[in-house]
């Protein structure tokens, strides 16, 4: 019982960490896209 709960808690924690990492990488990519757009607009 305790082992099952520990494994489930580890899986949930791993999924949470993966979700946070994915969100951070998406925000960085969005920031880079925004900066590129501003550079292109500045050229005009």
C-alpha atoms as a PDB file:
ATOM      1  CA  UNK A   1       0.000   0.000   0.000  1.00  0.00           C
ATOM      2  CA  UNK A   2       2.694   2.468   1.002  1.00  0.00           C
ATOM      3  CA  UNK A   3       4.793   1.410  -1.985  1.00  0.00           C
ATOM      4  CA  UNK A   4       1.868   2.014  -4.352  1.00  0.00           C
ATOM      5  CA  UNK A   5       1.231   5.461  -2.923  1.00  0.00           C
ATOM      6  CA  UNK A   6       4.927   6.307  -3.126  1.00  0.00           C
ATOM      7  CA  UNK A   7       5.082   5.256  -6.776  1.00  0.00           C
ATOM      8  CA  UNK A   8       1.966   7.262  -7.588  1.00  0.00           C
ATOM      9  CA  UNK A   9       3.363  10.313  -5.798  1.00  0.00           C
ATOM     10  CA  UNK A  10       6.628   9.963  -7.731  1.00  0.00           C
ATOM     11  CA  UNK A  11       4.754   9.730 -11.032  1.00  0.00           C
ATOM     12  CA  UNK A  12       2.633  12.771 -10.240  1.00  0.00           C
ATOM     13  CA  UNK A  13       5.727  14.724  -9.192  1.00  0.00           C
ATOM     14  CA  UNK A  14       7.520  13.749 -12.386  1.00  0.00           C
ATOM     15  CA  UNK A  15       4.563  14.806 -14.501  1.00  0.00           C
ATOM     16  CA  UNK A  16       4.420  18.138 -12.656  1.00  0.00           C
ATOM     17  CA  UNK A  17       8.127  18.796 -13.229  1.00  0.00           C
ATOM     18  CA  UNK A  18       7.773  17.894 -16.916  1.00  0.00           C
ATOM     19  CA  UNK A  19       4.801  20.240 -17.225  1.00  0.00           C
ATOM     20  CA  UNK A  20       6.697  23.126 -15.625  1.00  0.00           C
ATOM     21  CA  UNK A  21       9.730  22.516 -17.853  1.00  0.00           C
ATOM     22  CA  UNK A  22       7.501  22.416 -20.937  1.00  0.00           C
ATOM     23  CA  UNK A  23       5.806  25.664 -19.951  1.00  0.00           C
ATOM     24  CA  UNK A  24       9.136  27.407 -19.366  1.00  0.00           C
ATOM     25  CA  UNK A  25      10.510  26.293 -22.732  1.00  0.00           C
ATOM     26  CA  UNK A  26       7.305  27.422 -24.480  1.00  0.00           C
ATOM     27  CA  UNK A  27       7.533  30.836 -22.820  1.00  0.00           C
ATOM     28  CA  UNK A  28      11.173  31.210 -23.889  1.00  0.00           C
ATOM     29  CA  UNK A  29      10.290  30.235 -27.458  1.00  0.00           C
ATOM     30  CA  UNK A  30       7.410  32.729 -27.472  1.00  0.00           C
ATOM     31  CA  UNK A  31       9.727  35.449 -26.152  1.00  0.00           C
ATOM     32  CA  UNK A  32      12.243  34.721 -28.924  1.00  0.00           C
ATOM     33  CA  UNK A  33       9.488  34.860 -31.550  1.00  0.00           C
ATOM     34  CA  UNK A  34       8.274  38.185 -30.152  1.00  0.00           C
ATOM     35  CA  UNK A  35      11.787  39.638 -30.196  1.00  0.00           C
ATOM     36  CA  UNK A  36      12.269  38.507 -33.800  1.00  0.00           C
ATOM     37  CA  UNK A  37       8.964  40.131 -34.763  1.00  0.00           C
ATOM     38  CA  UNK A  38      10.005  43.403 -33.123  1.00  0.00           C
ATOM     39  CA  UNK A  39      13.346  43.319 -34.970  1.00  0.00           C
ATOM     40  CA  UNK A  40      11.559  42.832 -38.299  1.00  0.00           C
ATOM     41  CA  UNK A  41       9.149  45.662 -37.550  1.00  0.00           C
ATOM     42  CA  UNK A  42      12.021  47.933 -36.598  1.00  0.00           C
ATOM     43  CA  UNK A  43      13.564  47.331 -40.042  1.00  0.00           C
ATOM     44  CA  UNK A  44      10.572  48.988 -41.749  1.00  0.00           C
END
